[in-house]
N, C-alpha and C. Protein backbone atom coordinates (compact mmCIF):
# COMPACT_ATOMS: atom_id res chain seq x y z
N MET A 1 116.49 359.14 132.06
CA MET A 1 117.47 358.28 132.69
C MET A 1 118.78 358.32 131.90
N HIS A 2 119.87 358.47 132.61
CA HIS A 2 121.18 358.52 131.96
C HIS A 2 121.71 357.11 131.69
N PRO A 3 122.49 356.96 130.60
CA PRO A 3 123.08 355.64 130.34
C PRO A 3 124.12 355.31 131.41
N THR A 4 124.37 354.03 131.58
CA THR A 4 125.33 353.57 132.58
C THR A 4 126.39 352.71 131.92
N ILE A 5 127.62 352.94 132.33
CA ILE A 5 128.75 352.10 131.92
C ILE A 5 129.02 351.15 133.08
N ILE A 6 128.80 349.87 132.85
CA ILE A 6 129.13 348.87 133.86
C ILE A 6 130.52 348.35 133.52
N ILE A 7 131.46 348.60 134.41
CA ILE A 7 132.86 348.27 134.18
C ILE A 7 133.20 347.04 135.00
N VAL A 8 133.56 345.96 134.32
CA VAL A 8 133.98 344.74 135.00
C VAL A 8 135.50 344.68 134.86
N THR A 9 136.19 344.84 135.97
CA THR A 9 137.64 344.93 135.94
C THR A 9 138.25 344.05 137.02
N GLY A 10 139.55 343.92 137.00
CA GLY A 10 140.28 343.11 137.97
C GLY A 10 141.54 342.56 137.33
N ARG A 11 142.27 341.83 138.11
CA ARG A 11 143.55 341.29 137.63
C ARG A 11 143.31 340.09 136.70
N PRO A 12 144.37 339.69 135.97
CA PRO A 12 144.24 338.54 135.07
C PRO A 12 143.73 337.29 135.79
N ALA A 13 142.84 336.58 135.12
CA ALA A 13 142.27 335.30 135.58
C ALA A 13 141.37 335.44 136.81
N ALA A 14 140.85 336.64 137.03
CA ALA A 14 139.97 336.86 138.18
C ALA A 14 138.51 336.54 137.89
N GLY A 15 138.19 336.15 136.67
CA GLY A 15 136.82 335.79 136.35
C GLY A 15 135.99 336.93 135.77
N LYS A 16 136.66 337.97 135.32
CA LYS A 16 135.97 339.15 134.76
C LYS A 16 135.09 338.79 133.58
N SER A 17 135.64 338.10 132.62
CA SER A 17 134.90 337.81 131.38
C SER A 17 133.69 336.93 131.64
N THR A 18 133.83 335.95 132.50
CA THR A 18 132.71 335.08 132.83
C THR A 18 131.57 335.89 133.45
N LEU A 19 131.91 336.74 134.40
CA LEU A 19 130.90 337.58 135.04
C LEU A 19 130.30 338.57 134.05
N ALA A 20 131.14 339.20 133.24
CA ALA A 20 130.65 340.20 132.27
C ALA A 20 129.71 339.56 131.25
N LYS A 21 130.04 338.39 130.75
CA LYS A 21 129.16 337.70 129.79
C LYS A 21 127.83 337.35 130.43
N TRP A 22 127.87 336.88 131.65
CA TRP A 22 126.63 336.53 132.35
C TRP A 22 125.77 337.77 132.55
N LEU A 23 126.39 338.87 133.01
CA LEU A 23 125.64 340.11 133.22
C LEU A 23 125.05 340.63 131.91
N SER A 24 125.81 340.52 130.83
CA SER A 24 125.33 340.97 129.53
C SER A 24 124.05 340.24 129.15
N GLN A 25 124.03 338.93 129.37
CA GLN A 25 122.83 338.14 129.06
C GLN A 25 121.68 338.49 129.99
N GLU A 26 121.96 338.62 131.26
CA GLU A 26 120.90 338.89 132.24
C GLU A 26 120.31 340.29 132.08
N LEU A 27 121.16 341.27 131.79
CA LEU A 27 120.71 342.66 131.68
C LEU A 27 120.35 343.06 130.25
N LYS A 28 120.62 342.16 129.30
CA LYS A 28 120.35 342.45 127.88
C LYS A 28 121.08 343.73 127.45
N LEU A 29 122.36 343.82 127.83
CA LEU A 29 123.20 344.96 127.48
C LEU A 29 124.36 344.49 126.62
N PRO A 30 124.80 345.33 125.69
CA PRO A 30 125.97 344.96 124.89
C PRO A 30 127.22 344.87 125.76
N LEU A 31 128.07 343.91 125.41
CA LEU A 31 129.33 343.70 126.11
C LEU A 31 130.47 344.06 125.16
N VAL A 32 131.35 344.92 125.63
CA VAL A 32 132.55 345.28 124.88
C VAL A 32 133.74 344.75 125.68
N SER A 33 134.46 343.79 125.10
CA SER A 33 135.54 343.09 125.79
C SER A 33 136.86 343.23 125.03
N LYS A 34 137.89 343.65 125.73
CA LYS A 34 139.20 343.80 125.09
C LYS A 34 139.68 342.48 124.49
N ASP A 35 139.59 341.40 125.24
CA ASP A 35 140.08 340.13 124.72
C ASP A 35 139.32 339.68 123.48
N SER A 36 138.02 339.89 123.45
CA SER A 36 137.24 339.50 122.26
C SER A 36 137.65 340.31 121.04
N ILE A 37 137.84 341.60 121.24
CA ILE A 37 138.28 342.45 120.12
C ILE A 37 139.66 342.03 119.66
N ARG A 38 140.56 341.82 120.61
CA ARG A 38 141.94 341.45 120.26
C ARG A 38 141.98 340.12 119.51
N GLU A 39 141.14 339.18 119.90
CA GLU A 39 141.12 337.89 119.20
C GLU A 39 140.62 338.05 117.77
N GLU A 40 139.66 338.94 117.55
CA GLU A 40 139.23 339.23 116.18
C GLU A 40 140.39 339.82 115.37
N LEU A 41 141.15 340.71 116.00
CA LEU A 41 142.30 341.30 115.32
C LEU A 41 143.38 340.25 115.03
N PHE A 42 143.62 339.35 115.97
CA PHE A 42 144.57 338.26 115.73
C PHE A 42 144.14 337.44 114.51
N ASP A 43 142.84 337.13 114.46
CA ASP A 43 142.35 336.32 113.35
C ASP A 43 142.48 337.04 112.01
N ARG A 44 142.32 338.34 112.02
CA ARG A 44 142.40 339.13 110.79
C ARG A 44 143.84 339.46 110.41
N LEU A 45 144.64 339.85 111.41
CA LEU A 45 145.99 340.37 111.14
C LEU A 45 147.11 339.40 111.49
N GLY A 46 146.77 338.32 112.19
CA GLY A 46 147.78 337.35 112.59
C GLY A 46 148.39 337.69 113.93
N TRP A 47 149.24 336.80 114.39
CA TRP A 47 149.95 337.02 115.64
C TRP A 47 151.36 336.51 115.49
N LYS A 48 152.28 337.10 116.27
CA LYS A 48 153.66 336.68 116.15
C LYS A 48 154.39 336.66 117.48
N ASP A 49 154.39 337.75 118.21
CA ASP A 49 155.15 337.79 119.45
C ASP A 49 154.43 338.65 120.48
N ARG A 50 155.01 338.73 121.66
CA ARG A 50 154.40 339.46 122.77
C ARG A 50 154.23 340.95 122.44
N LYS A 51 155.24 341.54 121.79
CA LYS A 51 155.15 342.96 121.45
C LYS A 51 153.95 343.22 120.53
N TRP A 52 153.74 342.36 119.55
CA TRP A 52 152.61 342.49 118.64
C TRP A 52 151.29 342.34 119.41
N ALA A 53 151.24 341.37 120.32
CA ALA A 53 150.03 341.16 121.12
C ALA A 53 149.73 342.40 121.96
N GLN A 54 150.78 343.02 122.50
CA GLN A 54 150.58 344.23 123.30
C GLN A 54 150.07 345.38 122.43
N GLU A 55 150.59 345.52 121.23
CA GLU A 55 150.12 346.57 120.33
C GLU A 55 148.66 346.36 119.96
N LEU A 56 148.29 345.12 119.67
CA LEU A 56 146.89 344.85 119.37
C LEU A 56 146.02 345.03 120.61
N GLY A 57 146.60 344.80 121.78
CA GLY A 57 145.88 345.06 123.03
C GLY A 57 145.56 346.54 123.18
N LYS A 58 146.52 347.39 122.89
CA LYS A 58 146.29 348.84 122.96
C LYS A 58 145.23 349.27 121.95
N ALA A 59 145.32 348.72 120.75
CA ALA A 59 144.31 349.04 119.73
C ALA A 59 142.93 348.54 120.17
N SER A 60 142.89 347.41 120.83
CA SER A 60 141.63 346.86 121.31
C SER A 60 140.99 347.75 122.36
N VAL A 61 141.80 348.30 123.25
CA VAL A 61 141.26 349.22 124.25
C VAL A 61 140.71 350.47 123.56
N ASP A 62 141.44 350.97 122.56
CA ASP A 62 140.92 352.12 121.80
C ASP A 62 139.58 351.78 121.17
N MET A 63 139.45 350.58 120.63
CA MET A 63 138.19 350.16 120.02
C MET A 63 137.08 350.04 121.08
N MET A 64 137.44 349.59 122.27
CA MET A 64 136.45 349.50 123.35
C MET A 64 135.83 350.87 123.61
N PHE A 65 136.67 351.88 123.69
CA PHE A 65 136.15 353.22 123.97
C PHE A 65 135.40 353.78 122.76
N TYR A 66 135.80 353.40 121.56
CA TYR A 66 135.05 353.79 120.36
C TYR A 66 133.63 353.21 120.41
N PHE A 67 133.53 351.91 120.71
CA PHE A 67 132.22 351.27 120.78
C PHE A 67 131.39 351.84 121.94
N ALA A 68 132.04 352.15 123.05
CA ALA A 68 131.33 352.76 124.18
C ALA A 68 130.72 354.09 123.76
N LYS A 69 131.49 354.91 123.05
CA LYS A 69 130.97 356.20 122.59
C LYS A 69 129.76 355.98 121.68
N ALA A 70 129.84 355.00 120.79
CA ALA A 70 128.73 354.75 119.87
C ALA A 70 127.46 354.38 120.63
N GLU A 71 127.57 353.58 121.67
CA GLU A 71 126.40 353.20 122.47
C GLU A 71 125.89 354.39 123.29
N LEU A 72 126.80 355.09 123.94
CA LEU A 72 126.41 356.21 124.80
C LEU A 72 125.79 357.36 124.00
N GLU A 73 126.28 357.57 122.79
CA GLU A 73 125.73 358.65 121.95
C GLU A 73 124.24 358.49 121.70
N VAL A 74 123.76 357.26 121.69
CA VAL A 74 122.34 357.04 121.46
C VAL A 74 121.61 356.68 122.76
N GLY A 75 122.28 356.94 123.89
CA GLY A 75 121.65 356.76 125.19
C GLY A 75 121.61 355.34 125.72
N HIS A 76 122.41 354.45 125.14
CA HIS A 76 122.41 353.06 125.58
C HIS A 76 123.46 352.80 126.65
N SER A 77 123.11 352.01 127.62
CA SER A 77 124.06 351.52 128.61
C SER A 77 124.85 350.37 128.01
N LEU A 78 125.98 350.03 128.62
CA LEU A 78 126.80 348.93 128.14
C LEU A 78 127.67 348.39 129.24
N ILE A 79 128.29 347.25 128.97
CA ILE A 79 129.23 346.60 129.88
C ILE A 79 130.59 346.59 129.20
N MET A 80 131.64 346.95 129.96
CA MET A 80 133.00 346.93 129.44
C MET A 80 133.84 346.00 130.32
N ASP A 81 134.59 345.08 129.69
CA ASP A 81 135.34 344.04 130.38
C ASP A 81 136.82 344.14 130.03
N ASN A 82 137.65 344.44 131.05
CA ASN A 82 139.09 344.55 130.85
C ASN A 82 139.77 344.76 132.20
N SER A 83 141.06 344.50 132.23
CA SER A 83 141.87 344.90 133.39
C SER A 83 142.27 346.35 133.16
N PHE A 84 141.43 347.25 133.59
CA PHE A 84 141.67 348.67 133.35
C PHE A 84 142.70 349.20 134.35
N TYR A 85 143.67 349.97 133.84
CA TYR A 85 144.68 350.59 134.69
C TYR A 85 144.27 352.03 134.93
N PRO A 86 144.14 352.42 136.21
CA PRO A 86 143.64 353.76 136.53
C PRO A 86 144.37 354.90 135.83
N ALA A 87 145.68 354.88 135.80
CA ALA A 87 146.42 356.01 135.21
C ALA A 87 146.03 356.24 133.76
N LEU A 88 145.76 355.18 133.03
CA LEU A 88 145.39 355.30 131.62
C LEU A 88 143.88 355.45 131.42
N SER A 89 143.12 354.80 132.28
CA SER A 89 141.68 354.70 132.05
C SER A 89 140.85 355.77 132.75
N ASN A 90 141.31 356.29 133.88
CA ASN A 90 140.52 357.30 134.60
C ASN A 90 140.11 358.45 133.69
N PRO A 91 141.06 359.08 132.96
CA PRO A 91 140.66 360.22 132.11
C PRO A 91 139.67 359.83 131.01
N ARG A 92 139.82 358.65 130.46
CA ARG A 92 138.94 358.21 129.38
C ARG A 92 137.52 357.99 129.89
N PHE A 93 137.40 357.36 131.05
CA PHE A 93 136.07 357.16 131.62
C PHE A 93 135.46 358.47 132.09
N GLN A 94 136.26 359.34 132.67
CA GLN A 94 135.74 360.65 133.09
C GLN A 94 135.19 361.40 131.89
N SER A 95 135.90 361.34 130.79
CA SER A 95 135.46 362.01 129.57
C SER A 95 134.11 361.45 129.08
N LEU A 96 133.98 360.13 129.09
CA LEU A 96 132.71 359.51 128.69
C LEU A 96 131.59 359.94 129.63
N ARG A 97 131.86 359.91 130.90
CA ARG A 97 130.83 360.27 131.88
C ARG A 97 130.36 361.71 131.68
N GLU A 98 131.32 362.60 131.48
CA GLU A 98 130.97 364.02 131.32
C GLU A 98 130.25 364.29 130.00
N LYS A 99 130.82 363.78 128.91
CA LYS A 99 130.25 364.07 127.59
C LYS A 99 128.85 363.51 127.42
N TYR A 100 128.60 362.31 127.94
CA TYR A 100 127.32 361.64 127.72
C TYR A 100 126.44 361.61 128.96
N LYS A 101 126.85 362.34 129.99
CA LYS A 101 126.09 362.36 131.25
C LYS A 101 125.82 360.92 131.73
N ALA A 102 126.84 360.11 131.61
CA ALA A 102 126.71 358.69 131.93
C ALA A 102 127.05 358.43 133.39
N GLU A 103 126.38 357.44 133.93
CA GLU A 103 126.70 356.92 135.26
C GLU A 103 127.71 355.79 135.07
N SER A 104 128.33 355.39 136.17
CA SER A 104 129.22 354.23 136.09
C SER A 104 129.04 353.36 137.32
N ILE A 105 129.22 352.07 137.11
CA ILE A 105 129.25 351.09 138.19
C ILE A 105 130.49 350.24 137.92
N GLN A 106 131.34 350.12 138.92
CA GLN A 106 132.51 349.26 138.77
C GLN A 106 132.29 347.96 139.52
N ILE A 107 132.62 346.87 138.88
CA ILE A 107 132.64 345.57 139.52
C ILE A 107 134.10 345.13 139.48
N VAL A 108 134.70 345.01 140.65
CA VAL A 108 136.12 344.71 140.74
C VAL A 108 136.29 343.27 141.24
N CYS A 109 136.76 342.41 140.34
CA CYS A 109 136.97 341.00 140.65
C CYS A 109 138.41 340.80 141.12
N ASP A 110 138.59 340.02 142.18
CA ASP A 110 139.95 339.78 142.65
C ASP A 110 140.01 338.50 143.47
N SER A 111 141.23 338.00 143.60
CA SER A 111 141.52 336.83 144.40
C SER A 111 142.96 336.94 144.86
N ASP A 112 143.43 335.92 145.54
CA ASP A 112 144.81 335.94 146.00
C ASP A 112 145.77 335.58 144.86
N ARG A 113 147.02 335.89 145.05
CA ARG A 113 148.06 335.70 144.02
C ARG A 113 148.12 334.26 143.51
N GLU A 114 148.18 333.30 144.41
CA GLU A 114 148.35 331.91 143.99
C GLU A 114 147.16 331.40 143.18
N THR A 115 145.96 331.74 143.61
CA THR A 115 144.77 331.32 142.88
C THR A 115 144.77 331.91 141.48
N LEU A 116 145.05 333.21 141.37
CA LEU A 116 145.07 333.86 140.05
C LEU A 116 146.15 333.26 139.17
N PHE A 117 147.33 333.03 139.74
CA PHE A 117 148.42 332.49 138.94
C PHE A 117 148.11 331.09 138.44
N GLN A 118 147.57 330.25 139.31
CA GLN A 118 147.24 328.88 138.90
C GLN A 118 146.17 328.87 137.81
N ARG A 119 145.17 329.75 137.94
CA ARG A 119 144.15 329.84 136.89
C ARG A 119 144.75 330.31 135.58
N PHE A 120 145.60 331.32 135.64
CA PHE A 120 146.21 331.85 134.44
C PHE A 120 147.08 330.78 133.77
N LYS A 121 147.86 330.08 134.58
CA LYS A 121 148.74 329.02 134.07
C LYS A 121 147.92 327.91 133.40
N LEU A 122 146.83 327.51 134.03
CA LEU A 122 145.95 326.49 133.46
C LEU A 122 145.36 326.98 132.14
N ARG A 123 144.92 328.22 132.13
CA ARG A 123 144.36 328.81 130.91
C ARG A 123 145.41 328.86 129.80
N ALA A 124 146.65 329.19 130.17
CA ALA A 124 147.73 329.30 129.19
C ALA A 124 148.08 327.95 128.56
N THR A 125 147.93 326.89 129.31
CA THR A 125 148.33 325.57 128.81
C THR A 125 147.16 324.72 128.33
N SER A 126 145.94 325.19 128.50
CA SER A 126 144.76 324.37 128.18
C SER A 126 144.48 324.27 126.68
N GLY A 127 144.96 325.25 125.92
CA GLY A 127 144.65 325.28 124.50
C GLY A 127 143.29 325.89 124.20
N ASN A 128 142.58 326.36 125.22
CA ASN A 128 141.26 326.95 125.02
C ASN A 128 141.30 328.44 124.75
N ARG A 129 142.44 329.06 124.95
CA ARG A 129 142.56 330.50 124.75
C ARG A 129 143.32 330.75 123.46
N HIS A 130 142.98 331.83 122.78
CA HIS A 130 143.61 332.15 121.51
C HIS A 130 145.13 332.23 121.68
N PRO A 131 145.90 331.55 120.81
CA PRO A 131 147.36 331.55 120.96
C PRO A 131 148.00 332.93 120.80
N GLY A 132 147.31 333.85 120.17
CA GLY A 132 147.85 335.19 119.98
C GLY A 132 148.13 335.93 121.28
N HIS A 133 147.43 335.56 122.34
CA HIS A 133 147.66 336.23 123.63
C HIS A 133 149.07 335.99 124.15
N GLY A 134 149.67 334.86 123.79
CA GLY A 134 151.03 334.58 124.24
C GLY A 134 151.13 334.38 125.75
N ASP A 135 150.09 333.84 126.35
CA ASP A 135 150.06 333.70 127.80
C ASP A 135 151.24 332.90 128.35
N GLN A 136 151.67 331.86 127.63
CA GLN A 136 152.77 331.04 128.13
C GLN A 136 154.07 331.82 128.22
N ASP A 137 154.20 332.87 127.43
CA ASP A 137 155.43 333.66 127.43
C ASP A 137 155.53 334.64 128.59
N VAL A 138 154.45 334.83 129.33
CA VAL A 138 154.45 335.85 130.37
C VAL A 138 154.24 335.29 131.78
N LEU A 139 154.33 333.99 131.95
CA LEU A 139 154.03 333.39 133.24
C LEU A 139 154.92 333.94 134.36
N GLU A 140 156.21 333.99 134.13
CA GLU A 140 157.13 334.48 135.16
C GLU A 140 156.88 335.95 135.47
N GLU A 141 156.70 336.74 134.43
CA GLU A 141 156.40 338.17 134.58
C GLU A 141 155.09 338.38 135.35
N LEU A 142 154.08 337.60 135.01
CA LEU A 142 152.79 337.72 135.67
C LEU A 142 152.90 337.38 137.15
N TYR A 143 153.62 336.31 137.47
CA TYR A 143 153.74 335.90 138.87
C TYR A 143 154.36 337.03 139.70
N ALA A 144 155.39 337.65 139.17
CA ALA A 144 156.01 338.77 139.87
C ALA A 144 155.03 339.94 140.00
N HIS A 145 154.31 340.23 138.94
CA HIS A 145 153.34 341.34 138.94
C HIS A 145 152.23 341.12 139.96
N LEU A 146 151.76 339.90 140.08
CA LEU A 146 150.67 339.61 141.01
C LEU A 146 151.08 339.82 142.47
N ALA A 147 152.37 339.77 142.77
CA ALA A 147 152.83 339.98 144.14
C ALA A 147 152.74 341.44 144.55
N ASP A 148 152.84 342.33 143.58
CA ASP A 148 152.93 343.75 143.87
C ASP A 148 151.60 344.49 143.84
N THR A 149 150.56 343.85 143.38
CA THR A 149 149.32 344.59 143.18
C THR A 149 148.10 343.82 143.66
N SER A 150 147.03 344.53 143.75
CA SER A 150 145.71 343.94 143.89
C SER A 150 144.87 344.65 142.82
N SER A 151 143.68 344.18 142.61
CA SER A 151 142.84 344.83 141.60
C SER A 151 142.64 346.29 141.98
N GLN A 152 142.81 347.15 141.00
CA GLN A 152 142.75 348.58 141.26
C GLN A 152 141.37 349.14 140.92
N ILE A 153 140.93 350.05 141.76
CA ILE A 153 139.65 350.71 141.56
C ILE A 153 139.89 351.98 140.77
N LEU A 154 139.10 352.18 139.74
CA LEU A 154 139.19 353.41 138.96
C LEU A 154 138.64 354.57 139.79
N GLU A 155 139.26 355.71 139.66
CA GLU A 155 138.82 356.90 140.39
C GLU A 155 137.97 357.75 139.46
N ILE A 156 136.74 357.28 139.28
CA ILE A 156 135.84 357.96 138.33
C ILE A 156 134.48 358.25 138.94
N GLY A 157 134.33 357.96 140.22
CA GLY A 157 133.03 358.15 140.85
C GLY A 157 132.13 356.95 140.59
N GLY A 158 130.99 356.97 141.21
CA GLY A 158 130.04 355.89 141.04
C GLY A 158 130.30 354.74 142.00
N PRO A 159 129.32 353.88 142.16
CA PRO A 159 129.44 352.76 143.09
C PRO A 159 130.46 351.73 142.62
N VAL A 160 131.04 351.05 143.61
CA VAL A 160 132.01 349.99 143.36
C VAL A 160 131.52 348.73 144.08
N ILE A 161 131.49 347.63 143.34
CA ILE A 161 131.11 346.34 143.91
C ILE A 161 132.33 345.44 143.84
N ALA A 162 132.85 345.06 145.01
CA ALA A 162 134.00 344.15 145.07
C ALA A 162 133.49 342.72 145.08
N VAL A 163 134.11 341.88 144.25
CA VAL A 163 133.71 340.48 144.17
C VAL A 163 134.94 339.60 144.40
N ASP A 164 134.90 338.82 145.47
CA ASP A 164 135.97 337.87 145.77
C ASP A 164 135.73 336.65 144.90
N THR A 165 136.65 336.40 143.97
CA THR A 165 136.48 335.30 143.03
C THR A 165 137.38 334.10 143.35
N THR A 166 137.84 334.03 144.60
CA THR A 166 138.73 332.93 144.98
C THR A 166 138.08 331.58 144.71
N ASP A 167 136.81 331.46 145.04
CA ASP A 167 136.07 330.21 144.82
C ASP A 167 134.85 330.57 143.98
N PHE A 168 134.91 330.23 142.69
CA PHE A 168 133.82 330.59 141.78
C PHE A 168 132.46 330.06 142.26
N SER A 169 132.46 328.92 142.93
CA SER A 169 131.19 328.34 143.38
C SER A 169 130.54 329.16 144.49
N LYS A 170 131.28 330.05 145.12
CA LYS A 170 130.73 330.86 146.21
C LYS A 170 130.31 332.25 145.76
N ILE A 171 130.48 332.55 144.49
CA ILE A 171 130.06 333.87 144.00
C ILE A 171 128.55 333.90 143.91
N ASP A 172 127.96 334.89 144.52
CA ASP A 172 126.50 335.03 144.54
C ASP A 172 126.07 335.90 143.35
N TYR A 173 126.00 335.28 142.18
CA TYR A 173 125.64 336.01 140.97
C TYR A 173 124.29 336.71 141.08
N PRO A 174 123.25 336.04 141.61
CA PRO A 174 121.97 336.74 141.73
C PRO A 174 122.05 338.00 142.61
N GLU A 175 122.86 337.96 143.66
CA GLU A 175 123.00 339.13 144.53
C GLU A 175 123.71 340.26 143.79
N ILE A 176 124.73 339.93 143.00
CA ILE A 176 125.42 340.95 142.20
C ILE A 176 124.43 341.58 141.22
N LEU A 177 123.65 340.75 140.56
CA LEU A 177 122.64 341.24 139.61
C LEU A 177 121.63 342.14 140.33
N LYS A 178 121.19 341.73 141.48
CA LYS A 178 120.22 342.51 142.26
C LYS A 178 120.81 343.89 142.59
N ARG A 179 122.06 343.92 143.03
CA ARG A 179 122.70 345.20 143.37
C ARG A 179 122.80 346.11 142.16
N ILE A 180 123.18 345.53 141.03
CA ILE A 180 123.32 346.33 139.82
C ILE A 180 121.96 346.87 139.39
N LYS A 181 120.96 346.02 139.39
CA LYS A 181 119.61 346.47 138.99
C LYS A 181 119.13 347.60 139.89
N SER A 182 119.43 347.52 141.18
CA SER A 182 119.00 348.57 142.09
C SER A 182 119.72 349.89 141.79
N LEU A 183 120.92 349.81 141.26
CA LEU A 183 121.68 351.01 140.91
C LEU A 183 121.26 351.58 139.56
N LEU A 184 120.66 350.75 138.71
CA LEU A 184 120.23 351.19 137.39
C LEU A 184 118.90 351.93 137.42
N VAL A 185 118.18 351.81 138.51
CA VAL A 185 116.85 352.43 138.60
C VAL A 185 116.96 353.93 138.78
C-alpha cells in the first residue's frame, strides 16, 4: 500500500485546521500545519511586522514539505493543513507523489466571502490567535482578496472532497471520515 498525503486546504478562516486536527485524531496520522510551525518560529525567533510574518510563513511551508518527506520516506501517510496556492504547491506535491509513489486526497474547505471575513475578523480580535500572525493588519487586504477568489484545487491528481463550511454545525464529519477511509483502502 502506498502512503497517502491528505491535504486540507481552503481560504483563510474556512475551518481547515479544525477539520485537519479532528482527522488527525480519528485516523491516527501525523498532522503538519503551517500555522503551528509558524507559531513555534514566532516563539523562538520573535515577531515584528507583516513582512517578517510572511517570511516565517514561507519557511513554515518549506518545513511542512521537509516533514512530509520524512514521513513518506518511511512509508507513512500524513495530513497537511494550509491554504496551498496551486502555482507554488502543484510542483512540490507532484514531486512528493512521484518520488514516494504517494497517493493524495484533497479536502477543500470553503464558504462565502462574508462568512470567511467575519470569522477571520473575530479570530483577529479575539486574542486567541498568536499575535505574530498580524491578522489585524491585513483585514482590508483580506476582504478584497476574498472577493476575487474561491478555494483553489491543486492540480496534482487524486480525489477531491469539497466541504462547505458556511455553517460548522452542518458539516458531516463522520461522512468525511468515511469517504477518506474508503479512499485509503
